[in-house]
PDB file of N, CA and C in Angstrom:
ATOM      1  N   UNK A   1       4.858  22.322 -12.010  1.00  0.00           N
ATOM      2  CA  UNK A   1       6.187  22.173 -12.566  1.00  0.00           C
ATOM      3  C   UNK A   1       6.856  20.954 -11.946  1.00  0.00           C
ATOM      4  N   UNK A   2       7.472  20.147 -12.747  1.00  0.00           N
ATOM      5  CA  UNK A   2       8.153  18.961 -12.256  1.00  0.00           C
ATOM      6  C   UNK A   2       9.430  19.368 -11.532  1.00  0.00           C
ATOM      7  N   UNK A   3       9.795  18.580 -10.548  1.00  0.00           N
ATOM      8  CA  UNK A   3      11.009  18.846  -9.806  1.00  0.00           C
ATOM      9  C   UNK A   3      12.070  17.808 -10.105  1.00  0.00           C
ATOM     10  N   UNK A   4      13.275  18.055  -9.601  1.00  0.00           N
ATOM     11  CA  UNK A   4      14.387  17.149  -9.839  1.00  0.00           C
ATOM     12  C   UNK A   4      14.466  16.091  -8.748  1.00  0.00           C
ATOM     13  N   UNK A   5      14.366  16.518  -7.484  1.00  0.00           N
ATOM     14  CA  UNK A   5      14.450  15.584  -6.359  1.00  0.00           C
ATOM     15  C   UNK A   5      13.699  16.172  -5.171  1.00  0.00           C
ATOM     16  N   UNK A   6      13.393  15.353  -4.157  1.00  0.00           N
ATOM     17  CA  UNK A   6      12.723  15.893  -2.969  1.00  0.00           C
ATOM     18  C   UNK A   6      13.623  16.876  -2.237  1.00  0.00           C
ATOM     19  N   UNK A   7      13.021  17.923  -1.739  1.00  0.00           N
ATOM     20  CA  UNK A   7      13.756  18.927  -0.953  1.00  0.00           C
ATOM     21  C   UNK A   7      13.874  18.405   0.472  1.00  0.00           C
ATOM     22  N   UNK A   8      15.081  18.475   1.008  1.00  0.00           N
ATOM     23  CA  UNK A   8      15.322  18.003   2.363  1.00  0.00           C
ATOM     24  C   UNK A   8      15.591  19.176   3.277  1.00  0.00           C
ATOM     25  N   UNK A   9      15.044  19.213   4.472  1.00  0.00           N
ATOM     26  CA  UNK A   9      14.133  18.240   5.045  1.00  0.00           C
ATOM     27  C   UNK A   9      12.794  18.252   4.320  1.00  0.00           C
ATOM     28  N   UNK A  10      12.106  17.113   4.362  1.00  0.00           N
ATOM     29  CA  UNK A  10      10.840  16.984   3.651  1.00  0.00           C
ATOM     30  C   UNK A  10       9.837  17.999   4.172  1.00  0.00           C
ATOM     31  N   UNK A  11       9.108  18.587   3.252  1.00  0.00           N
ATOM     32  CA  UNK A  11       8.086  19.568   3.614  1.00  0.00           C
ATOM     33  C   UNK A  11       6.949  19.481   2.607  1.00  0.00           C
ATOM     34  N   UNK A  12       5.780  19.898   3.038  1.00  0.00           N
ATOM     35  CA  UNK A  12       4.620  19.900   2.152  1.00  0.00           C
ATOM     36  C   UNK A  12       4.628  21.141   1.281  1.00  0.00           C
ATOM     37  N   UNK A  13       4.210  20.941   0.045  1.00  0.00           N
ATOM     38  CA  UNK A  13       4.127  22.034  -0.915  1.00  0.00           C
ATOM     39  C   UNK A  13       2.737  21.978  -1.527  1.00  0.00           C
ATOM     40  N   UNK A  14       1.978  23.070  -1.491  1.00  0.00           N
ATOM     41  CA  UNK A  14       0.614  23.032  -2.028  1.00  0.00           C
ATOM     42  C   UNK A  14       0.571  22.728  -3.526  1.00  0.00           C
ATOM     43  N   UNK A  15       1.629  23.052  -4.248  1.00  0.00           N
ATOM     44  CA  UNK A  15       1.642  22.835  -5.698  1.00  0.00           C
ATOM     45  C   UNK A  15       2.013  21.396  -6.063  1.00  0.00           C
ATOM     46  N   UNK A  16       3.055  20.848  -5.418  1.00  0.00           N
ATOM     47  CA  UNK A  16       3.578  19.531  -5.796  1.00  0.00           C
ATOM     48  C   UNK A  16       3.253  18.427  -4.799  1.00  0.00           C
ATOM     49  N   UNK A  17       2.739  18.761  -3.642  1.00  0.00           N
ATOM     50  CA  UNK A  17       2.504  17.766  -2.611  1.00  0.00           C
ATOM     51  C   UNK A  17       3.687  17.686  -1.655  1.00  0.00           C
ATOM     52  N   UNK A  18       4.832  17.312  -2.168  1.00  0.00           N
ATOM     53  CA  UNK A  18       6.082  17.308  -1.401  1.00  0.00           C
ATOM     54  C   UNK A  18       6.997  18.330  -2.044  1.00  0.00           C
ATOM     55  N   UNK A  19       7.716  19.074  -1.220  1.00  0.00           N
ATOM     56  CA  UNK A  19       8.630  20.080  -1.755  1.00  0.00           C
ATOM     57  C   UNK A  19       9.692  19.435  -2.627  1.00  0.00           C
ATOM     58  N   UNK A  20       9.915  20.013  -3.795  1.00  0.00           N
ATOM     59  CA  UNK A  20      10.889  19.492  -4.742  1.00  0.00           C
ATOM     60  C   UNK A  20      11.911  20.560  -5.099  1.00  0.00           C
ATOM     61  N   UNK A  21      13.147  20.120  -5.341  1.00  0.00           N
ATOM     62  CA  UNK A  21      14.131  21.060  -5.866  1.00  0.00           C
ATOM     63  C   UNK A  21      13.795  21.282  -7.330  1.00  0.00           C
ATOM     64  N   UNK A  22      13.787  22.526  -7.741  1.00  0.00           N
ATOM     65  CA  UNK A  22      13.339  22.876  -9.088  1.00  0.00           C
ATOM     66  C   UNK A  22      14.488  23.126 -10.055  1.00  0.00           C
ATOM     67  N   UNK A  23      15.662  23.464  -9.516  1.00  0.00           N
ATOM     68  CA  UNK A  23      16.774  23.797 -10.396  1.00  0.00           C
ATOM     69  C   UNK A  23      17.962  22.877 -10.107  1.00  0.00           C
ATOM     70  N   UNK A  24      18.832  22.765 -11.083  1.00  0.00           N
ATOM     71  CA  UNK A  24      20.035  21.955 -10.918  1.00  0.00           C
ATOM     72  C   UNK A  24      20.946  22.555  -9.849  1.00  0.00           C
ATOM     73  N   UNK A  25      21.036  23.875  -9.793  1.00  0.00           N
ATOM     74  CA  UNK A  25      21.865  24.547  -8.787  1.00  0.00           C
ATOM     75  C   UNK A  25      21.378  24.226  -7.378  1.00  0.00           C
ATOM     76  N   UNK A  26      20.084  24.253  -7.173  1.00  0.00           N
ATOM     77  CA  UNK A  26      19.499  23.945  -5.865  1.00  0.00           C
ATOM     78  C   UNK A  26      19.767  22.480  -5.481  1.00  0.00           C
ATOM     79  N   UNK A  27      19.687  21.582  -6.446  1.00  0.00           N
ATOM     80  CA  UNK A  27      19.935  20.166  -6.199  1.00  0.00           C
ATOM     81  C   UNK A  27      21.396  19.914  -5.842  1.00  0.00           C
ATOM     82  N   UNK A  28      22.318  20.542  -6.565  1.00  0.00           N
ATOM     83  CA  UNK A  28      23.744  20.382  -6.289  1.00  0.00           C
ATOM     84  C   UNK A  28      24.078  20.913  -4.902  1.00  0.00           C
ATOM     85  N   UNK A  29      23.515  22.062  -4.545  1.00  0.00           N
ATOM     86  CA  UNK A  29      23.753  22.652  -3.224  1.00  0.00           C
ATOM     87  C   UNK A  29      23.268  21.711  -2.125  1.00  0.00           C
ATOM     88  N   UNK A  30      22.098  21.121  -2.302  1.00  0.00           N
ATOM     89  CA  UNK A  30      21.551  20.189  -1.325  1.00  0.00           C
ATOM     90  C   UNK A  30      22.407  18.927  -1.236  1.00  0.00           C
ATOM     91  N   UNK A  31      22.831  18.379  -2.369  1.00  0.00           N
ATOM     92  CA  UNK A  31      23.650  17.167  -2.370  1.00  0.00           C
ATOM     93  C   UNK A  31      25.000  17.394  -1.712  1.00  0.00           C
ATOM     94  N   UNK A  32      25.615  18.550  -1.950  1.00  0.00           N
ATOM     95  CA  UNK A  32      26.899  18.871  -1.334  1.00  0.00           C
ATOM     96  C   UNK A  32      26.750  19.010   0.177  1.00  0.00           C
ATOM     97  N   UNK A  33      25.684  19.648   0.606  1.00  0.00           N
ATOM     98  CA  UNK A  33      25.420  19.805   2.037  1.00  0.00           C
ATOM     99  C   UNK A  33      25.262  18.439   2.701  1.00  0.00           C
ATOM    100  N   UNK A  34      24.528  17.537   2.074  1.00  0.00           N
ATOM    101  CA  UNK A  34      24.334  16.201   2.634  1.00  0.00           C
ATOM    102  C   UNK A  34      25.646  15.422   2.678  1.00  0.00           C
ATOM    103  N   UNK A  35      26.478  15.566   1.659  1.00  0.00           N
ATOM    104  CA  UNK A  35      27.768  14.882   1.620  1.00  0.00           C
ATOM    105  C   UNK A  35      28.671  15.345   2.757  1.00  0.00           C
ATOM    106  N   UNK A  36      28.716  16.640   2.994  1.00  0.00           N
ATOM    107  CA  UNK A  36      29.586  17.187   4.035  1.00  0.00           C
ATOM    108  C   UNK A  36      29.072  16.850   5.433  1.00  0.00           C
ATOM    109  N   UNK A  37      27.774  16.851   5.635  1.00  0.00           N
ATOM    110  CA  UNK A  37      27.217  16.621   6.966  1.00  0.00           C
ATOM    111  C   UNK A  37      27.079  15.145   7.335  1.00  0.00           C
ATOM    112  N   UNK A  38      27.195  14.246   6.366  1.00  0.00           N
ATOM    113  CA  UNK A  38      27.078  12.817   6.634  1.00  0.00           C
ATOM    114  C   UNK A  38      28.423  12.267   7.100  1.00  0.00           C
ATOM    115  N   UNK A  39      28.384  11.449   8.147  1.00  0.00           N
ATOM    116  CA  UNK A  39      29.595  10.788   8.630  1.00  0.00           C
ATOM    117  C   UNK A  39      29.732   9.434   7.952  1.00  0.00           C
ATOM    118  N   UNK A  40      30.953   9.020   7.656  1.00  0.00           N
ATOM    119  CA  UNK A  40      31.143   7.692   7.079  1.00  0.00           C
ATOM    120  C   UNK A  40      30.500   6.630   7.983  1.00  0.00           C
ATOM    121  N   UNK A  41      29.760   5.724   7.359  1.00  0.00           N
ATOM    122  CA  UNK A  41      29.060   4.675   8.092  1.00  0.00           C
ATOM    123  C   UNK A  41      27.595   4.973   8.335  1.00  0.00           C
ATOM    124  N   UNK A  42      27.154   6.215   8.148  1.00  0.00           N
ATOM    125  CA  UNK A  42      25.747   6.561   8.380  1.00  0.00           C
ATOM    126  C   UNK A  42      24.843   6.141   7.230  1.00  0.00           C
ATOM    127  N   UNK A  43      25.350   6.130   6.035  1.00  0.00           N
ATOM    128  CA  UNK A  43      24.514   5.838   4.872  1.00  0.00           C
ATOM    129  C   UNK A  43      24.491   4.339   4.606  1.00  0.00           C
ATOM    130  N   UNK A  44      23.292   3.787   4.512  1.00  0.00           N
ATOM    131  CA  UNK A  44      23.143   2.370   4.251  1.00  0.00           C
ATOM    132  C   UNK A  44      23.670   2.021   2.863  1.00  0.00           C
ATOM    133  N   UNK A  45      24.302   0.886   2.754  1.00  0.00           N
ATOM    134  CA  UNK A  45      24.806   0.322   1.502  1.00  0.00           C
ATOM    135  C   UNK A  45      26.021   1.056   0.936  1.00  0.00           C
ATOM    136  N   UNK A  46      26.355   2.235   1.460  1.00  0.00           N
ATOM    137  CA  UNK A  46      27.553   2.953   1.019  1.00  0.00           C
ATOM    138  C   UNK A  46      28.274   3.451   2.277  1.00  0.00           C
ATOM    139  N   UNK A  47      28.959   2.557   2.997  1.00  0.00           N
ATOM    140  CA  UNK A  47      29.555   2.960   4.279  1.00  0.00           C
ATOM    141  C   UNK A  47      30.688   3.967   4.155  1.00  0.00           C
ATOM    142  N   UNK A  48      31.270   4.136   2.968  1.00  0.00           N
ATOM    143  CA  UNK A  48      32.368   5.090   2.801  1.00  0.00           C
ATOM    144  C   UNK A  48      31.869   6.504   2.500  1.00  0.00           C
ATOM    145  N   UNK A  49      30.561   6.671   2.251  1.00  0.00           N
ATOM    146  CA  UNK A  49      29.986   7.956   1.865  1.00  0.00           C
ATOM    147  C   UNK A  49      30.021   8.927   3.037  1.00  0.00           C
ATOM    148  N   UNK A  50      30.456  10.140   2.793  1.00  0.00           N
ATOM    149  CA  UNK A  50      30.380  11.204   3.788  1.00  0.00           C
ATOM    150  C   UNK A  50      31.734  11.727   4.207  1.00  0.00           C
ATOM    151  N   UNK A  51      31.769  13.014   4.491  1.00  0.00           N
ATOM    152  CA  UNK A  51      32.999  13.682   4.907  1.00  0.00           C
ATOM    153  C   UNK A  51      33.254  13.472   6.388  1.00  0.00           C
ATOM    154  N   UNK A  52      32.213  13.478   7.197  1.00  0.00           N
ATOM    155  CA  UNK A  52      32.398  13.356   8.640  1.00  0.00           C
ATOM    156  C   UNK A  52      32.890  14.652   9.250  1.00  0.00           C
ATOM    157  N   UNK A  53      32.249  15.745   8.921  1.00  0.00           N
ATOM    158  CA  UNK A  53      32.646  17.066   9.406  1.00  0.00           C
ATOM    159  C   UNK A  53      32.710  17.118  10.930  1.00  0.00           C
ATOM    160  N   UNK A  54      31.820  16.373  11.598  1.00  0.00           N
ATOM    161  CA  UNK A  54      31.817  16.363  13.067  1.00  0.00           C
ATOM    162  C   UNK A  54      33.131  15.833  13.641  1.00  0.00           C
ATOM    163  N   UNK A  55      33.815  14.977  12.892  1.00  0.00           N
ATOM    164  CA  UNK A  55      35.097  14.438  13.366  1.00  0.00           C
ATOM    165  C   UNK A  55      36.171  15.516  13.459  1.00  0.00           C
ATOM    166  N   UNK A  56      36.020  16.592  12.703  1.00  0.00           N
ATOM    167  CA  UNK A  56      37.000  17.677  12.690  1.00  0.00           C
ATOM    168  C   UNK A  56      36.604  18.842  13.594  1.00  0.00           C
ATOM    169  N   UNK A  57      35.439  18.762  14.204  1.00  0.00           N
ATOM    170  CA  UNK A  57      34.855  19.898  14.907  1.00  0.00           C
ATOM    171  C   UNK A  57      35.726  20.441  16.036  1.00  0.00           C
ATOM    172  N   UNK A  58      36.286  19.588  16.866  1.00  0.00           N
ATOM    173  CA  UNK A  58      37.050  20.056  18.019  1.00  0.00           C
ATOM    174  C   UNK A  58      38.551  19.824  17.861  1.00  0.00           C
ATOM    175  N   UNK A  59      38.992  19.637  16.646  1.00  0.00           N
ATOM    176  CA  UNK A  59      40.423  19.497  16.387  1.00  0.00           C
ATOM    177  C   UNK A  59      41.088  20.880  16.458  1.00  0.00           C
ATOM    178  N   UNK A  60      42.399  20.888  16.626  1.00  0.00           N
ATOM    179  CA  UNK A  60      43.144  22.146  16.642  1.00  0.00           C
ATOM    180  C   UNK A  60      43.048  22.833  15.284  1.00  0.00           C
ATOM    181  N   UNK A  61      42.986  24.146  15.301  1.00  0.00           N
ATOM    182  CA  UNK A  61      42.949  24.922  14.058  1.00  0.00           C
ATOM    183  C   UNK A  61      44.385  25.049  13.540  1.00  0.00           C
ATOM    184  N   UNK A  62      44.837  23.989  12.904  1.00  0.00           N
ATOM    185  CA  UNK A  62      46.215  23.934  12.417  1.00  0.00           C
ATOM    186  C   UNK A  62      46.200  23.626  10.920  1.00  0.00           C
ATOM    187  N   UNK A  63      47.319  23.891  10.278  1.00  0.00           N
ATOM    188  CA  UNK A  63      47.427  23.631   8.838  1.00  0.00           C
ATOM    189  C   UNK A  63      47.173  22.166   8.511  1.00  0.00           C
ATOM    190  N   UNK A  64      47.641  21.280   9.359  1.00  0.00           N
ATOM    191  CA  UNK A  64      47.472  19.843   9.115  1.00  0.00           C
ATOM    192  C   UNK A  64      45.987  19.465   9.136  1.00  0.00           C
ATOM    193  N   UNK A  65      45.251  19.991  10.103  1.00  0.00           N
ATOM    194  CA  UNK A  65      43.823  19.694  10.216  1.00  0.00           C
ATOM    195  C   UNK A  65      43.058  20.257   9.028  1.00  0.00           C
ATOM    196  N   UNK A  66      43.343  21.493   8.669  1.00  0.00           N
ATOM    197  CA  UNK A  66      42.664  22.108   7.519  1.00  0.00           C
ATOM    198  C   UNK A  66      42.974  21.363   6.233  1.00  0.00           C
ATOM    199  N   UNK A  67      44.216  20.921   6.070  1.00  0.00           N
ATOM    200  CA  UNK A  67      44.597  20.164   4.877  1.00  0.00           C
ATOM    201  C   UNK A  67      43.878  18.816   4.839  1.00  0.00           C
ATOM    202  N   UNK A  68      43.783  18.152   5.978  1.00  0.00           N
ATOM    203  CA  UNK A  68      43.091  16.862   6.036  1.00  0.00           C
ATOM    204  C   UNK A  68      41.613  17.021   5.694  1.00  0.00           C
ATOM    205  N   UNK A  69      40.982  18.051   6.231  1.00  0.00           N
ATOM    206  CA  UNK A  69      39.568  18.307   5.935  1.00  0.00           C
ATOM    207  C   UNK A  69      39.379  18.631   4.461  1.00  0.00           C
ATOM    208  N   UNK A  70      40.220  19.477   3.930  1.00  0.00           N
ATOM    209  CA  UNK A  70      40.146  19.845   2.519  1.00  0.00           C
ATOM    210  C   UNK A  70      40.323  18.628   1.617  1.00  0.00           C
ATOM    211  N   UNK A  71      41.292  17.793   1.931  1.00  0.00           N
ATOM    212  CA  UNK A  71      41.522  16.586   1.128  1.00  0.00           C
ATOM    213  C   UNK A  71      40.350  15.625   1.209  1.00  0.00           C
ATOM    214  N   UNK A  72      39.770  15.482   2.396  1.00  0.00           N
ATOM    215  CA  UNK A  72      38.613  14.600   2.566  1.00  0.00           C
ATOM    216  C   UNK A  72      37.432  15.095   1.749  1.00  0.00           C
ATOM    217  N   UNK A  73      37.162  16.393   1.799  1.00  0.00           N
ATOM    218  CA  UNK A  73      36.055  16.964   1.029  1.00  0.00           C
ATOM    219  C   UNK A  73      36.287  16.774  -0.465  1.00  0.00           C
ATOM    220  N   UNK A  74      37.484  17.062  -0.937  1.00  0.00           N
ATOM    221  CA  UNK A  74      37.790  16.904  -2.364  1.00  0.00           C
ATOM    222  C   UNK A  74      37.650  15.455  -2.815  1.00  0.00           C
ATOM    223  N   UNK A  75      38.140  14.517  -2.004  1.00  0.00           N
ATOM    224  CA  UNK A  75      38.041  13.104  -2.361  1.00  0.00           C
ATOM    225  C   UNK A  75      36.593  12.655  -2.435  1.00  0.00           C
ATOM    226  N   UNK A  76      35.785  13.064  -1.466  1.00  0.00           N
ATOM    227  CA  UNK A  76      34.380  12.664  -1.449  1.00  0.00           C
ATOM    228  C   UNK A  76      33.620  13.271  -2.626  1.00  0.00           C
ATOM    229  N   UNK A  77      33.900  14.515  -2.958  1.00  0.00           N
ATOM    230  CA  UNK A  77      33.255  15.153  -4.115  1.00  0.00           C
ATOM    231  C   UNK A  77      33.647  14.444  -5.392  1.00  0.00           C
ATOM    232  N   UNK A  78      34.914  14.101  -5.515  1.00  0.00           N
ATOM    233  CA  UNK A  78      35.403  13.413  -6.723  1.00  0.00           C
ATOM    234  C   UNK A  78      34.707  12.049  -6.885  1.00  0.00           C
ATOM    235  N   UNK A  79      34.501  11.343  -5.777  1.00  0.00           N
ATOM    236  CA  UNK A  79      33.915  10.010  -5.851  1.00  0.00           C
ATOM    237  C   UNK A  79      32.390  10.071  -6.032  1.00  0.00           C
ATOM    238  N   UNK A  80      31.696  10.887  -5.241  1.00  0.00           N
ATOM    239  CA  UNK A  80      30.237  10.803  -5.163  1.00  0.00           C
ATOM    240  C   UNK A  80      29.481  11.914  -5.882  1.00  0.00           C
ATOM    241  N   UNK A  81      30.166  12.920  -6.371  1.00  0.00           N
ATOM    242  CA  UNK A  81      29.438  13.967  -7.086  1.00  0.00           C
ATOM    243  C   UNK A  81      30.013  14.072  -8.479  1.00  0.00           C
TER     244      UNK A  81
END
């Protein structure tokens, strides 16, 4: 069966050689995970890509911080997904 994209992290699959995402739902879930876990500047040729979740990791659990994180995630999804 043909796949949509490589499954990350890369793994061997006896059927396809390299593990592939088989469904659109699985691909979207993987792409969203990569978007959230990538920090801006990590991706070559697209330095603005990524939410930078690690930047919010040790911030205070306040409404302002949650709003900033939520806005960042929404903006990145709107642009890159």
